[in-house]
Amino acid sequence: MTIKITNCTIINSGTGVHLEGDNVDVEIKGLRTINNKKDIYANVGKSSSIIIEDLSS
């Protein structure tokens, strides 16, 4: 299963996007982060696929 995050804004969060696991398939496009402690945290296995495009803070 692929998770898609598109055109969203995350404000005043501890961690904006938290990814963890062995088979993580994520596509992030157009993510805007404002005043987060961590914008993105990832602890994923080798078989995972993460695509990040157009990240701004």
Protein backbone atom coordinates (compact mmCIF):
# COMPACT_ATOMS: atom_id res chain seq x y z
CA MET A 1 0.00 0.00 0.00
CA THR A 2 1.23 3.48 -0.84
CA ILE A 3 0.43 6.50 1.29
CA LYS A 4 0.26 9.85 -0.54
CA ILE A 5 0.44 13.23 1.18
CA THR A 6 -0.22 16.08 -1.24
CA ASN A 7 -0.47 19.87 -0.82
CA CYS A 8 -0.85 20.19 2.93
CA THR A 9 0.52 22.45 5.67
CA ILE A 10 1.56 21.22 9.11
CA ILE A 11 1.88 23.92 11.79
CA ASN A 12 3.16 23.80 15.41
CA SER A 13 3.54 20.04 15.60
CA GLY A 14 6.02 17.95 17.55
CA THR A 15 6.79 15.94 14.40
CA GLY A 16 5.09 16.89 11.14
CA VAL A 17 5.38 13.48 9.44
CA HIS A 18 6.51 10.36 11.35
CA LEU A 19 7.31 7.27 9.26
CA GLU A 20 8.29 3.96 10.83
CA GLY A 21 8.25 0.34 9.67
CA ASP A 22 9.76 -2.22 7.32
CA ASN A 23 7.63 -1.89 4.17
CA VAL A 24 6.78 1.82 4.06
CA ASP A 25 5.80 3.28 0.67
CA VAL A 26 5.17 7.02 0.91
CA GLU A 27 4.88 9.80 -1.67
CA ILE A 28 4.98 13.36 -0.28
CA LYS A 29 4.41 16.29 -2.65
CA GLY A 30 3.76 19.94 -1.82
CA LEU A 31 4.29 19.70 1.94
CA ARG A 32 4.71 22.98 3.83
CA THR A 33 5.88 22.89 7.43
CA ILE A 34 5.79 25.81 9.88
CA ASN A 35 7.24 25.90 13.41
CA ASN A 36 7.53 22.12 14.01
CA LYS A 37 10.14 20.54 16.28
CA LYS A 38 10.85 18.01 13.51
CA ASP A 39 9.47 18.33 10.00
CA ILE A 40 9.96 14.68 8.95
CA TYR A 41 11.22 11.70 10.95
CA ALA A 42 11.80 8.37 9.18
CA ASN A 43 12.98 5.06 10.64
CA VAL A 44 12.20 2.63 7.81
CA GLY A 45 13.55 -0.65 6.46
CA LYS A 46 15.56 -1.24 3.28
CA SER A 47 12.50 -2.40 1.34
CA SER A 48 10.77 0.97 1.83
CA SER A 49 10.23 3.62 -0.83
CA ILE A 50 9.95 7.29 0.10
CA ILE A 51 9.55 10.10 -2.46
CA ILE A 52 9.60 13.71 -1.29
CA GLU A 53 9.02 16.61 -3.71
CA ASP A 54 8.40 20.33 -3.11
CA LEU A 55 9.10 20.47 0.64
CA SER A 56 9.13 23.99 2.07
CA SER A 57 9.34 25.41 5.55
